Amino acid sequence: MNLIDILPMVAMGLALIIAIVGHEVMHGRVANLYGDDTAKNQGRLSFNPIIHVDPIGTIVVPLILYFSSGFIFGWAKPVPVYMRTVLENKGYFGALHVSLAGIIYNLILAIIAAILLHFIDMPNNYIGLFLQSFLYYLVIINVILGIFNLYPIPPLDGSHALGYIASWLGYPEIMHFMQKWSKFGFIILIALIISPFSYLIFAPMRLIINLLLN
C-alpha cells in the first residue's frame, strides 16, 4: 500500500471524526445556549475528539461497515443534556432545536464541503489529493449522518424531534411511545438496514449526495 492509497483513508477518518464529534458537540452547545450547562460542566463542549470518541461507534463500526459494504456510519459518546432545563427555559422550540442541532451541523458542513470541492481541479500532488478526498468524504459522511438521524426511530435524533413536536401539538403519548421503544431502536435499525427495503432508507442520502457532488 503506497501513499496514494493511504491518503484517502486518512482523509476519510478525519472527515468521520469531524462529522460525528461535531454532531454531538452541537447538541451540548445549543443546550448550553438555552441554559443547560450539563455538557459544559463535564467538559464535553470541546471539539477535542479524544473526549468524545467511542471506541466501538467511532472506530470499530465505521471500519467494519466501510470494508464490508462501503457504507460509512458511526457515532461518538453522547453529549449529556438535561432536557428538562431546556424545556423550562425555551419550551418545545428549544428542545426541538437541541434535538436537531447535530443534524443541522452535518448538513451545513456537507454543503460547505461540496461548494469548496467544486473549486478544486484534478489534484496533481499529495496535498491536492488529500484535500479533494477530505472534502469528498465530508460531503458523503455528513449527508449520511444528518439524513439518517432524521428518521423517527429511537434513539435517533428524529425520534426526539418528533416527540417534542407531538407534545407541542398536544399528543405527549407519542413521546412516551418513543421512550418506551427506545431500547429496541438499534435492533430495529439493524433489521431495516439488512432488509430488502434498505434501498428506501438510503435513497434520500444518495439523491442529496449526487446533487451536492454533481
N, C-alpha and C. Protein backbone atom coordinates (compact mmCIF):
# COMPACT_ATOMS: atom_id res chain seq x y z
N MET A 1 0.86 -1.20 0.00
CA MET A 1 0.00 0.00 0.00
C MET A 1 0.89 1.25 0.00
N ASN A 2 0.71 2.13 -0.98
CA ASN A 2 1.52 3.34 -1.08
C ASN A 2 0.77 4.55 -0.54
N LEU A 3 1.42 5.71 -0.63
CA LEU A 3 0.85 6.93 -0.07
C LEU A 3 -0.44 7.33 -0.75
N ILE A 4 -0.54 7.05 -2.05
CA ILE A 4 -1.76 7.40 -2.80
C ILE A 4 -2.96 6.62 -2.27
N ASP A 5 -2.72 5.41 -1.78
CA ASP A 5 -3.79 4.61 -1.19
C ASP A 5 -4.10 5.02 0.24
N ILE A 6 -3.08 5.45 0.96
CA ILE A 6 -3.24 5.77 2.38
C ILE A 6 -3.94 7.11 2.59
N LEU A 7 -3.59 8.11 1.79
CA LEU A 7 -4.12 9.46 1.99
C LEU A 7 -5.65 9.52 1.99
N PRO A 8 -6.35 8.90 1.04
CA PRO A 8 -7.82 8.93 1.09
C PRO A 8 -8.38 8.28 2.35
N MET A 9 -7.73 7.24 2.85
CA MET A 9 -8.21 6.59 4.07
C MET A 9 -8.04 7.50 5.28
N VAL A 10 -6.91 8.21 5.33
CA VAL A 10 -6.69 9.17 6.41
C VAL A 10 -7.70 10.31 6.31
N ALA A 11 -7.95 10.78 5.09
CA ALA A 11 -8.93 11.84 4.88
C ALA A 11 -10.31 11.40 5.32
N MET A 12 -10.68 10.15 5.02
CA MET A 12 -11.98 9.63 5.42
C MET A 12 -12.09 9.57 6.94
N GLY A 13 -11.02 9.11 7.60
CA GLY A 13 -11.03 9.03 9.07
C GLY A 13 -11.19 10.40 9.70
N LEU A 14 -10.48 11.39 9.16
CA LEU A 14 -10.56 12.75 9.70
C LEU A 14 -11.96 13.33 9.47
N ALA A 15 -12.52 13.11 8.29
CA ALA A 15 -13.86 13.60 7.99
C ALA A 15 -14.90 12.95 8.90
N LEU A 16 -14.72 11.67 9.17
CA LEU A 16 -15.65 10.95 10.04
C LEU A 16 -15.62 11.52 11.46
N ILE A 17 -14.43 11.78 11.98
CA ILE A 17 -14.31 12.32 13.33
C ILE A 17 -14.94 13.71 13.42
N ILE A 18 -14.66 14.55 12.42
CA ILE A 18 -15.22 15.91 12.41
C ILE A 18 -16.74 15.85 12.36
N ALA A 19 -17.28 14.92 11.58
CA ALA A 19 -18.73 14.82 11.41
C ALA A 19 -19.41 14.36 12.69
N ILE A 20 -18.93 13.27 13.27
CA ILE A 20 -19.65 12.68 14.40
C ILE A 20 -19.35 13.40 15.71
N VAL A 21 -18.12 13.89 15.89
CA VAL A 21 -17.80 14.64 17.11
C VAL A 21 -18.54 15.98 17.09
N GLY A 22 -18.50 16.67 15.94
CA GLY A 22 -19.21 17.94 15.83
C GLY A 22 -20.70 17.78 16.03
N HIS A 23 -21.24 16.69 15.53
CA HIS A 23 -22.67 16.40 15.70
C HIS A 23 -23.04 16.39 17.18
N GLU A 24 -22.26 15.67 17.98
CA GLU A 24 -22.56 15.58 19.41
C GLU A 24 -22.31 16.90 20.13
N VAL A 25 -21.21 17.57 19.79
CA VAL A 25 -20.87 18.83 20.45
C VAL A 25 -21.98 19.86 20.25
N MET A 26 -22.56 19.89 19.06
CA MET A 26 -23.59 20.89 18.77
C MET A 26 -24.83 20.70 19.64
N HIS A 27 -25.16 19.44 19.96
CA HIS A 27 -26.26 19.22 20.90
C HIS A 27 -25.98 19.93 22.22
N GLY A 28 -24.77 19.74 22.73
CA GLY A 28 -24.40 20.35 24.01
C GLY A 28 -24.29 21.85 23.95
N ARG A 29 -23.79 22.38 22.85
CA ARG A 29 -23.62 23.83 22.73
C ARG A 29 -24.97 24.55 22.65
N VAL A 30 -25.89 23.98 21.91
CA VAL A 30 -27.22 24.60 21.83
C VAL A 30 -27.95 24.47 23.16
N ALA A 31 -27.81 23.32 23.81
CA ALA A 31 -28.41 23.15 25.14
C ALA A 31 -27.83 24.17 26.12
N ASN A 32 -26.53 24.41 26.05
CA ASN A 32 -25.90 25.40 26.91
C ASN A 32 -26.43 26.80 26.62
N LEU A 33 -26.67 27.07 25.34
CA LEU A 33 -27.24 28.36 24.93
C LEU A 33 -28.61 28.57 25.56
N TYR A 34 -29.33 27.47 25.80
CA TYR A 34 -30.67 27.53 26.37
C TYR A 34 -30.69 27.24 27.87
N GLY A 35 -29.53 27.35 28.50
CA GLY A 35 -29.50 27.31 29.96
C GLY A 35 -29.06 26.01 30.59
N ASP A 36 -28.84 24.96 29.81
CA ASP A 36 -28.41 23.69 30.38
C ASP A 36 -26.89 23.58 30.26
N ASP A 37 -26.20 23.67 31.38
CA ASP A 37 -24.74 23.64 31.37
C ASP A 37 -24.17 22.27 31.73
N THR A 38 -24.97 21.22 31.60
CA THR A 38 -24.51 19.88 31.96
C THR A 38 -23.28 19.48 31.15
N ALA A 39 -23.36 19.62 29.84
CA ALA A 39 -22.23 19.25 28.99
C ALA A 39 -21.02 20.14 29.26
N LYS A 40 -21.26 21.41 29.48
CA LYS A 40 -20.16 22.34 29.76
C LYS A 40 -19.44 21.96 31.04
N ASN A 41 -20.19 21.62 32.08
CA ASN A 41 -19.58 21.26 33.36
C ASN A 41 -18.79 19.97 33.29
N GLN A 42 -19.14 19.10 32.33
CA GLN A 42 -18.43 17.84 32.16
C GLN A 42 -17.34 17.92 31.10
N GLY A 43 -17.08 19.14 30.61
CA GLY A 43 -16.02 19.34 29.63
C GLY A 43 -16.31 18.74 28.27
N ARG A 44 -17.60 18.65 27.90
CA ARG A 44 -17.96 17.98 26.65
C ARG A 44 -18.32 18.96 25.53
N LEU A 45 -18.04 20.24 25.71
CA LEU A 45 -18.31 21.20 24.64
C LEU A 45 -17.10 21.42 23.73
N SER A 46 -16.00 20.79 24.08
CA SER A 46 -14.78 20.91 23.29
C SER A 46 -14.86 20.04 22.05
N PHE A 47 -14.19 20.47 20.97
CA PHE A 47 -14.12 19.67 19.75
C PHE A 47 -12.93 18.70 19.79
N ASN A 48 -12.27 18.60 20.92
CA ASN A 48 -11.19 17.64 21.09
C ASN A 48 -11.76 16.24 20.94
N PRO A 49 -11.39 15.50 19.90
CA PRO A 49 -12.03 14.20 19.65
C PRO A 49 -11.76 13.16 20.72
N ILE A 50 -10.68 13.30 21.45
CA ILE A 50 -10.30 12.29 22.44
C ILE A 50 -11.38 12.12 23.49
N ILE A 51 -12.04 13.22 23.89
CA ILE A 51 -13.02 13.13 24.96
C ILE A 51 -14.39 12.69 24.45
N HIS A 52 -14.53 12.57 23.13
CA HIS A 52 -15.82 12.18 22.55
C HIS A 52 -15.80 10.81 21.88
N VAL A 53 -14.62 10.31 21.60
CA VAL A 53 -14.52 9.07 20.82
C VAL A 53 -15.09 7.89 21.58
N ASP A 54 -15.97 7.17 20.91
CA ASP A 54 -16.47 5.90 21.40
C ASP A 54 -15.72 4.82 20.63
N PRO A 55 -14.93 3.98 21.29
CA PRO A 55 -14.11 3.00 20.56
C PRO A 55 -14.90 2.16 19.57
N ILE A 56 -16.11 1.79 19.95
CA ILE A 56 -16.93 0.96 19.05
C ILE A 56 -17.55 1.80 17.95
N GLY A 57 -18.28 2.86 18.34
CA GLY A 57 -19.04 3.65 17.37
C GLY A 57 -18.20 4.55 16.49
N THR A 58 -17.04 4.99 16.98
CA THR A 58 -16.23 5.93 16.22
C THR A 58 -15.13 5.24 15.41
N ILE A 59 -14.74 4.04 15.82
CA ILE A 59 -13.62 3.37 15.16
C ILE A 59 -14.02 2.01 14.57
N VAL A 60 -14.48 1.10 15.43
CA VAL A 60 -14.70 -0.28 15.00
C VAL A 60 -15.84 -0.39 13.98
N VAL A 61 -17.02 0.15 14.33
CA VAL A 61 -18.18 0.03 13.44
C VAL A 61 -17.94 0.69 12.08
N PRO A 62 -17.43 1.94 12.02
CA PRO A 62 -17.19 2.54 10.70
C PRO A 62 -16.22 1.73 9.84
N LEU A 63 -15.16 1.18 10.46
CA LEU A 63 -14.21 0.39 9.68
C LEU A 63 -14.84 -0.88 9.13
N ILE A 64 -15.60 -1.57 9.99
CA ILE A 64 -16.26 -2.81 9.56
C ILE A 64 -17.25 -2.52 8.43
N LEU A 65 -18.05 -1.46 8.60
CA LEU A 65 -19.03 -1.12 7.58
C LEU A 65 -18.37 -0.72 6.26
N TYR A 66 -17.29 0.05 6.36
CA TYR A 66 -16.63 0.53 5.15
C TYR A 66 -16.02 -0.62 4.35
N PHE A 67 -15.31 -1.50 5.04
CA PHE A 67 -14.62 -2.58 4.32
C PHE A 67 -15.55 -3.73 3.94
N SER A 68 -16.73 -3.79 4.57
CA SER A 68 -17.65 -4.87 4.24
C SER A 68 -18.71 -4.46 3.21
N SER A 69 -19.08 -3.18 3.24
CA SER A 69 -20.17 -2.76 2.36
C SER A 69 -19.94 -1.42 1.68
N GLY A 70 -18.91 -0.68 2.11
CA GLY A 70 -18.69 0.65 1.56
C GLY A 70 -19.54 1.72 2.22
N PHE A 71 -20.46 1.30 3.11
CA PHE A 71 -21.33 2.23 3.85
C PHE A 71 -20.56 2.76 5.05
N ILE A 72 -20.67 4.08 5.28
CA ILE A 72 -19.92 4.71 6.37
C ILE A 72 -20.90 5.29 7.38
N PHE A 73 -20.82 4.82 8.59
CA PHE A 73 -21.68 5.35 9.64
C PHE A 73 -21.00 5.11 10.99
N GLY A 74 -21.29 5.97 11.94
CA GLY A 74 -20.70 5.81 13.27
C GLY A 74 -21.31 6.78 14.25
N TRP A 75 -20.81 6.77 15.46
CA TRP A 75 -21.31 7.68 16.47
C TRP A 75 -20.23 7.96 17.51
N ALA A 76 -20.38 9.06 18.22
CA ALA A 76 -19.49 9.39 19.32
C ALA A 76 -20.25 9.19 20.63
N LYS A 77 -19.54 9.34 21.73
CA LYS A 77 -20.22 9.25 23.03
C LYS A 77 -21.23 10.39 23.12
N PRO A 78 -22.48 10.08 23.45
CA PRO A 78 -23.50 11.14 23.51
C PRO A 78 -23.12 12.24 24.51
N VAL A 79 -23.32 13.47 24.09
CA VAL A 79 -23.09 14.61 25.00
C VAL A 79 -24.29 14.70 25.95
N PRO A 80 -24.05 14.78 27.26
CA PRO A 80 -25.16 14.81 28.22
C PRO A 80 -25.96 16.11 28.13
N VAL A 81 -27.25 15.98 28.05
CA VAL A 81 -28.16 17.13 28.01
C VAL A 81 -29.30 16.88 28.99
N TYR A 82 -29.55 17.84 29.86
CA TYR A 82 -30.68 17.76 30.78
C TYR A 82 -31.82 18.54 30.16
N MET A 83 -32.65 17.84 29.40
CA MET A 83 -33.65 18.50 28.58
C MET A 83 -34.72 19.22 29.40
N ARG A 84 -34.93 18.82 30.64
CA ARG A 84 -35.92 19.49 31.46
C ARG A 84 -35.59 20.98 31.62
N THR A 85 -34.28 21.28 31.77
CA THR A 85 -33.87 22.67 31.89
C THR A 85 -34.15 23.43 30.60
N VAL A 86 -33.87 22.81 29.47
CA VAL A 86 -34.13 23.44 28.17
C VAL A 86 -35.63 23.70 28.01
N LEU A 87 -36.44 22.73 28.38
CA LEU A 87 -37.90 22.88 28.28
C LEU A 87 -38.40 24.01 29.17
N GLU A 88 -37.85 24.13 30.37
CA GLU A 88 -38.27 25.18 31.28
C GLU A 88 -37.89 26.56 30.75
N ASN A 89 -36.75 26.65 30.08
CA ASN A 89 -36.26 27.95 29.61
C ASN A 89 -36.82 28.34 28.24
N LYS A 90 -36.88 27.37 27.32
CA LYS A 90 -37.24 27.69 25.93
C LYS A 90 -38.39 26.86 25.38
N GLY A 91 -38.97 26.03 26.22
CA GLY A 91 -40.13 25.25 25.78
C GLY A 91 -39.78 24.22 24.72
N TYR A 92 -40.81 23.80 23.99
CA TYR A 92 -40.61 22.74 22.99
C TYR A 92 -39.76 23.21 21.82
N PHE A 93 -39.78 24.50 21.52
CA PHE A 93 -38.93 25.01 20.44
C PHE A 93 -37.47 24.79 20.78
N GLY A 94 -37.10 25.10 22.02
CA GLY A 94 -35.72 24.90 22.45
C GLY A 94 -35.33 23.44 22.41
N ALA A 95 -36.21 22.57 22.89
CA ALA A 95 -35.94 21.13 22.88
C ALA A 95 -35.78 20.61 21.46
N LEU A 96 -36.62 21.11 20.55
CA LEU A 96 -36.53 20.71 19.15
C LEU A 96 -35.21 21.17 18.53
N HIS A 97 -34.81 22.39 18.87
CA HIS A 97 -33.55 22.93 18.36
C HIS A 97 -32.37 22.09 18.84
N VAL A 98 -32.37 21.73 20.12
CA VAL A 98 -31.30 20.89 20.67
C VAL A 98 -31.28 19.54 19.95
N SER A 99 -32.45 18.96 19.73
CA SER A 99 -32.54 17.65 19.09
C SER A 99 -32.00 17.67 17.66
N LEU A 100 -32.23 18.78 16.95
CA LEU A 100 -31.85 18.86 15.54
C LEU A 100 -30.50 19.54 15.32
N ALA A 101 -29.85 19.99 16.39
CA ALA A 101 -28.61 20.77 16.25
C ALA A 101 -27.53 19.98 15.52
N GLY A 102 -27.37 18.71 15.86
CA GLY A 102 -26.35 17.90 15.22
C GLY A 102 -26.63 17.69 13.74
N ILE A 103 -27.88 17.47 13.41
CA ILE A 103 -28.27 17.26 12.01
C ILE A 103 -28.02 18.53 11.20
N ILE A 104 -28.40 19.68 11.77
CA ILE A 104 -28.18 20.96 11.07
C ILE A 104 -26.69 21.17 10.83
N TYR A 105 -25.89 20.87 11.83
CA TYR A 105 -24.42 20.98 11.70
C TYR A 105 -23.93 20.11 10.55
N ASN A 106 -24.35 18.86 10.51
CA ASN A 106 -23.90 17.93 9.46
C ASN A 106 -24.27 18.41 8.07
N LEU A 107 -25.51 18.87 7.89
CA LEU A 107 -25.96 19.26 6.57
C LEU A 107 -25.30 20.56 6.10
N ILE A 108 -25.09 21.50 7.02
CA ILE A 108 -24.38 22.73 6.65
C ILE A 108 -22.94 22.42 6.27
N LEU A 109 -22.30 21.54 7.04
CA LEU A 109 -20.92 21.17 6.74
C LEU A 109 -20.82 20.47 5.39
N ALA A 110 -21.80 19.63 5.07
CA ALA A 110 -21.81 18.93 3.77
C ALA A 110 -21.94 19.93 2.63
N ILE A 111 -22.79 20.93 2.79
CA ILE A 111 -22.98 21.95 1.74
C ILE A 111 -21.71 22.76 1.54
N ILE A 112 -21.07 23.17 2.64
CA ILE A 112 -19.83 23.95 2.54
C ILE A 112 -18.74 23.13 1.85
N ALA A 113 -18.61 21.86 2.24
CA ALA A 113 -17.59 21.00 1.64
C ALA A 113 -17.85 20.81 0.16
N ALA A 114 -19.12 20.66 -0.23
CA ALA A 114 -19.46 20.48 -1.65
C ALA A 114 -19.12 21.72 -2.45
N ILE A 115 -19.39 22.89 -1.90
CA ILE A 115 -19.06 24.15 -2.60
C ILE A 115 -17.56 24.25 -2.80
N LEU A 116 -16.79 23.98 -1.75
CA LEU A 116 -15.33 24.05 -1.86
C LEU A 116 -14.80 23.02 -2.84
N LEU A 117 -15.42 21.85 -2.86
CA LEU A 117 -14.95 20.78 -3.73
C LEU A 117 -15.07 21.16 -5.20
N HIS A 118 -16.08 21.95 -5.54
CA HIS A 118 -16.29 22.35 -6.93
C HIS A 118 -15.22 23.34 -7.42
N PHE A 119 -14.45 23.91 -6.50
CA PHE A 119 -13.41 24.86 -6.88
C PHE A 119 -12.04 24.19 -6.99
N ILE A 120 -11.99 22.89 -6.74
CA ILE A 120 -10.71 22.17 -6.78
C ILE A 120 -10.59 21.41 -8.09
N ASP A 121 -9.49 21.63 -8.79
CA ASP A 121 -9.24 20.91 -10.03
C ASP A 121 -8.69 19.52 -9.70
N MET A 122 -8.44 18.74 -10.73
CA MET A 122 -7.85 17.42 -10.52
C MET A 122 -6.51 17.57 -9.79
N PRO A 123 -6.34 16.87 -8.67
CA PRO A 123 -5.11 17.05 -7.90
C PRO A 123 -3.88 16.54 -8.64
N ASN A 124 -2.77 17.29 -8.53
CA ASN A 124 -1.51 16.87 -9.17
C ASN A 124 -0.40 16.67 -8.15
N ASN A 125 -0.79 16.66 -6.85
CA ASN A 125 0.20 16.38 -5.80
C ASN A 125 -0.52 15.76 -4.61
N TYR A 126 0.24 15.36 -3.62
CA TYR A 126 -0.33 14.67 -2.46
C TYR A 126 -1.27 15.57 -1.65
N ILE A 127 -0.91 16.84 -1.54
CA ILE A 127 -1.75 17.76 -0.77
C ILE A 127 -3.11 17.92 -1.45
N GLY A 128 -3.08 18.07 -2.78
CA GLY A 128 -4.34 18.19 -3.52
C GLY A 128 -5.19 16.94 -3.42
N LEU A 129 -4.53 15.78 -3.47
CA LEU A 129 -5.25 14.51 -3.34
C LEU A 129 -5.91 14.39 -1.97
N PHE A 130 -5.16 14.76 -0.94
CA PHE A 130 -5.72 14.68 0.41
C PHE A 130 -6.90 15.63 0.58
N LEU A 131 -6.74 16.87 0.10
CA LEU A 131 -7.80 17.87 0.25
C LEU A 131 -9.05 17.46 -0.51
N GLN A 132 -8.88 16.97 -1.73
CA GLN A 132 -10.03 16.55 -2.50
C GLN A 132 -10.74 15.37 -1.83
N SER A 133 -9.97 14.41 -1.35
CA SER A 133 -10.56 13.25 -0.66
C SER A 133 -11.26 13.67 0.62
N PHE A 134 -10.65 14.59 1.34
CA PHE A 134 -11.22 15.06 2.61
C PHE A 134 -12.57 15.74 2.39
N LEU A 135 -12.64 16.63 1.41
CA LEU A 135 -13.91 17.32 1.13
C LEU A 135 -14.96 16.35 0.60
N TYR A 136 -14.52 15.41 -0.24
CA TYR A 136 -15.43 14.40 -0.78
C TYR A 136 -16.07 13.58 0.33
N TYR A 137 -15.26 13.13 1.27
CA TYR A 137 -15.80 12.33 2.38
C TYR A 137 -16.59 13.18 3.36
N LEU A 138 -16.25 14.46 3.49
CA LEU A 138 -17.05 15.34 4.33
C LEU A 138 -18.48 15.42 3.81
N VAL A 139 -18.62 15.51 2.49
CA VAL A 139 -19.95 15.55 1.90
C VAL A 139 -20.70 14.26 2.18
N ILE A 140 -20.09 13.15 1.84
CA ILE A 140 -20.76 11.85 1.96
C ILE A 140 -21.12 11.52 3.41
N ILE A 141 -20.16 11.64 4.30
CA ILE A 141 -20.38 11.23 5.69
C ILE A 141 -21.39 12.14 6.38
N ASN A 142 -21.30 13.44 6.15
CA ASN A 142 -22.21 14.36 6.81
C ASN A 142 -23.64 14.22 6.30
N VAL A 143 -23.80 13.95 5.01
CA VAL A 143 -25.15 13.72 4.48
C VAL A 143 -25.73 12.45 5.08
N ILE A 144 -24.95 11.38 5.10
CA ILE A 144 -25.44 10.12 5.65
C ILE A 144 -25.80 10.29 7.12
N LEU A 145 -24.91 10.91 7.89
CA LEU A 145 -25.15 11.07 9.32
C LEU A 145 -26.34 11.99 9.58
N GLY A 146 -26.43 13.07 8.82
CA GLY A 146 -27.52 14.02 9.02
C GLY A 146 -28.87 13.45 8.64
N ILE A 147 -28.98 12.88 7.46
CA ILE A 147 -30.27 12.35 7.00
C ILE A 147 -30.67 11.11 7.79
N PHE A 148 -29.72 10.23 8.06
CA PHE A 148 -30.03 9.03 8.82
C PHE A 148 -30.62 9.37 10.18
N ASN A 149 -30.05 10.40 10.82
CA ASN A 149 -30.53 10.79 12.14
C ASN A 149 -31.89 11.47 12.10
N LEU A 150 -32.35 11.85 10.92
CA LEU A 150 -33.68 12.46 10.79
C LEU A 150 -34.80 11.43 10.92
N TYR A 151 -34.48 10.17 10.68
CA TYR A 151 -35.54 9.16 10.75
C TYR A 151 -36.08 9.05 12.18
N PRO A 152 -37.40 8.99 12.32
CA PRO A 152 -38.01 8.98 13.67
C PRO A 152 -37.99 7.60 14.32
N ILE A 153 -36.80 7.05 14.42
CA ILE A 153 -36.62 5.73 15.04
C ILE A 153 -35.74 5.91 16.27
N PRO A 154 -36.23 5.57 17.46
CA PRO A 154 -35.40 5.71 18.66
C PRO A 154 -34.13 4.86 18.50
N PRO A 155 -32.97 5.35 18.96
CA PRO A 155 -32.75 6.61 19.66
C PRO A 155 -32.26 7.74 18.75
N LEU A 156 -32.52 7.68 17.46
CA LEU A 156 -32.06 8.71 16.55
C LEU A 156 -32.70 10.06 16.88
N ASP A 157 -32.01 11.13 16.48
CA ASP A 157 -32.48 12.49 16.80
C ASP A 157 -33.88 12.76 16.26
N GLY A 158 -34.20 12.16 15.13
CA GLY A 158 -35.52 12.38 14.54
C GLY A 158 -36.65 11.93 15.44
N SER A 159 -36.41 10.88 16.22
CA SER A 159 -37.45 10.41 17.14
C SER A 159 -37.68 11.41 18.26
N HIS A 160 -36.60 12.03 18.75
CA HIS A 160 -36.74 13.06 19.78
C HIS A 160 -37.47 14.28 19.23
N ALA A 161 -37.08 14.68 18.02
CA ALA A 161 -37.72 15.84 17.40
C ALA A 161 -39.21 15.60 17.21
N LEU A 162 -39.56 14.40 16.72
CA LEU A 162 -40.97 14.07 16.51
C LEU A 162 -41.72 14.08 17.84
N GLY A 163 -41.09 13.57 18.89
CA GLY A 163 -41.72 13.55 20.20
C GLY A 163 -42.02 14.94 20.72
N TYR A 164 -41.08 15.87 20.55
CA TYR A 164 -41.29 17.24 21.04
C TYR A 164 -42.32 17.98 20.19
N ILE A 165 -42.31 17.73 18.88
CA ILE A 165 -43.33 18.35 18.03
C ILE A 165 -44.72 17.84 18.43
N ALA A 166 -44.82 16.53 18.63
CA ALA A 166 -46.11 15.93 19.01
C ALA A 166 -46.58 16.46 20.36
N SER A 167 -45.66 16.59 21.31
CA SER A 167 -46.03 17.12 22.63
C SER A 167 -46.50 18.56 22.52
N TRP A 168 -45.83 19.33 21.68
CA TRP A 168 -46.22 20.73 21.47
C TRP A 168 -47.63 20.82 20.88
N LEU A 169 -47.97 19.85 20.03
CA LEU A 169 -49.30 19.83 19.39
C LEU A 169 -50.36 19.18 20.28
N GLY A 170 -49.93 18.68 21.45
CA GLY A 170 -50.90 18.11 22.38
C GLY A 170 -51.02 16.60 22.34
N TYR A 171 -49.98 15.93 21.82
CA TYR A 171 -50.01 14.47 21.75
C TYR A 171 -48.77 13.89 22.46
N PRO A 172 -48.67 14.06 23.78
CA PRO A 172 -47.49 13.60 24.52
C PRO A 172 -47.33 12.08 24.50
N GLU A 173 -48.41 11.35 24.19
CA GLU A 173 -48.32 9.89 24.17
C GLU A 173 -47.33 9.40 23.11
N ILE A 174 -47.11 10.21 22.07
CA ILE A 174 -46.14 9.82 21.05
C ILE A 174 -44.73 9.84 21.63
N MET A 175 -44.44 10.84 22.45
CA MET A 175 -43.15 10.90 23.13
C MET A 175 -42.99 9.69 24.05
N HIS A 176 -44.02 9.35 24.80
CA HIS A 176 -43.96 8.19 25.69
C HIS A 176 -43.75 6.90 24.90
N PHE A 177 -44.37 6.81 23.73
CA PHE A 177 -44.20 5.64 22.87
C PHE A 177 -42.75 5.53 22.41
N MET A 178 -42.16 6.66 22.01
CA MET A 178 -40.77 6.67 21.57
C MET A 178 -39.83 6.23 22.69
N GLN A 179 -40.08 6.75 23.88
CA GLN A 179 -39.23 6.41 25.02
C GLN A 179 -39.36 4.93 25.37
N LYS A 180 -40.57 4.41 25.26
CA LYS A 180 -40.83 3.01 25.61
C LYS A 180 -40.08 2.07 24.67
N TRP A 181 -40.02 2.41 23.40
CA TRP A 181 -39.41 1.53 22.41
C TRP A 181 -37.96 1.85 22.10
N SER A 182 -37.39 2.84 22.81
CA SER A 182 -36.01 3.25 22.52
C SER A 182 -35.01 2.12 22.74
N LYS A 183 -35.29 1.23 23.69
CA LYS A 183 -34.35 0.13 23.97
C LYS A 183 -34.28 -0.87 22.83
N PHE A 184 -35.27 -0.85 21.95
CA PHE A 184 -35.27 -1.75 20.81
C PHE A 184 -34.84 -1.04 19.53
N GLY A 185 -34.44 0.24 19.68
CA GLY A 185 -34.16 1.05 18.50
C GLY A 185 -33.07 0.49 17.61
N PHE A 186 -31.93 0.11 18.20
CA PHE A 186 -30.81 -0.36 17.40
C PHE A 186 -31.15 -1.68 16.71
N ILE A 187 -31.93 -2.51 17.35
CA ILE A 187 -32.36 -3.76 16.72
C ILE A 187 -33.22 -3.46 15.50
N ILE A 188 -34.13 -2.49 15.65
CA ILE A 188 -34.98 -2.09 14.53
C ILE A 188 -34.14 -1.51 13.40
N LEU A 189 -33.15 -0.69 13.74
CA LEU A 189 -32.30 -0.07 12.73
C LEU A 189 -31.51 -1.11 11.95
N ILE A 190 -30.91 -2.05 12.68
CA ILE A 190 -30.13 -3.10 12.02
C ILE A 190 -31.03 -3.93 11.11
N ALA A 191 -32.23 -4.25 11.59
CA ALA A 191 -33.17 -5.03 10.79
C ALA A 191 -33.53 -4.30 9.51
N LEU A 192 -33.73 -2.99 9.59
CA LEU A 192 -34.08 -2.21 8.41
C LEU A 192 -32.91 -2.13 7.43
N ILE A 193 -31.70 -1.96 7.97
CA ILE A 193 -30.52 -1.81 7.12
C ILE A 193 -30.25 -3.07 6.30
N ILE A 194 -30.47 -4.25 6.91
CA ILE A 194 -30.17 -5.50 6.21
C ILE A 194 -31.40 -6.06 5.48
N SER A 195 -32.51 -5.36 5.57
CA SER A 195 -33.74 -5.83 4.93
C SER A 195 -33.75 -5.46 3.45
N PRO A 196 -34.65 -6.08 2.68
CA PRO A 196 -34.77 -5.72 1.25
C PRO A 196 -35.23 -4.28 1.03
N PHE A 197 -35.73 -3.65 2.09
CA PHE A 197 -36.23 -2.27 1.97
C PHE A 197 -35.15 -1.23 2.28
N SER A 198 -33.91 -1.69 2.49
CA SER A 198 -32.85 -0.76 2.87
C SER A 198 -32.62 0.31 1.81
N TYR A 199 -32.87 -0.03 0.54
CA TYR A 199 -32.66 0.96 -0.53
C TYR A 199 -33.55 2.18 -0.34
N LEU A 200 -34.72 1.99 0.30
CA LEU A 200 -35.60 3.12 0.57
C LEU A 200 -35.01 4.04 1.63
N ILE A 201 -34.31 3.46 2.59
CA ILE A 201 -33.70 4.23 3.66
C ILE A 201 -32.56 5.10 3.11
N PHE A 202 -31.77 4.51 2.21
CA PHE A 202 -30.59 5.21 1.72
C PHE A 202 -30.85 6.04 0.47
N ALA A 203 -32.03 5.89 -0.13
CA ALA A 203 -32.34 6.63 -1.36
C ALA A 203 -32.24 8.15 -1.19
N PRO A 204 -32.80 8.74 -0.11
CA PRO A 204 -32.67 10.19 0.05
C PRO A 204 -31.22 10.63 0.20
N MET A 205 -30.41 9.81 0.87
CA MET A 205 -29.00 10.16 1.05
C MET A 205 -28.27 10.16 -0.29
N ARG A 206 -28.52 9.13 -1.11
CA ARG A 206 -27.89 9.06 -2.43
C ARG A 206 -28.31 10.25 -3.29
N LEU A 207 -29.58 10.61 -3.22
CA LEU A 207 -30.08 11.72 -4.01
C LEU A 207 -29.37 13.02 -3.64
N ILE A 208 -29.29 13.30 -2.34
CA ILE A 208 -28.68 14.54 -1.87
C ILE A 208 -27.18 14.56 -2.17
N ILE A 209 -26.50 13.41 -1.96
CA ILE A 209 -25.07 13.33 -2.25
C ILE A 209 -24.82 13.60 -3.73
N ASN A 210 -25.63 12.99 -4.59
CA ASN A 210 -25.46 13.22 -6.04
C ASN A 210 -25.71 14.67 -6.41
N LEU A 211 -26.71 15.30 -5.80
CA LEU A 211 -26.98 16.70 -6.07
C LEU A 211 -25.81 17.59 -5.66
N LEU A 212 -25.22 17.30 -4.50
CA LEU A 212 -24.13 18.12 -3.99
C LEU A 212 -22.83 17.90 -4.79
N LEU A 213 -22.58 16.66 -5.17
CA LEU A 213 -21.31 16.37 -5.86
C LEU A 213 -21.36 16.65 -7.34
N ASN A 214 -22.57 16.63 -7.93
CA ASN A 214 -22.67 16.83 -9.38
C ASN A 214 -23.20 18.21 -9.76
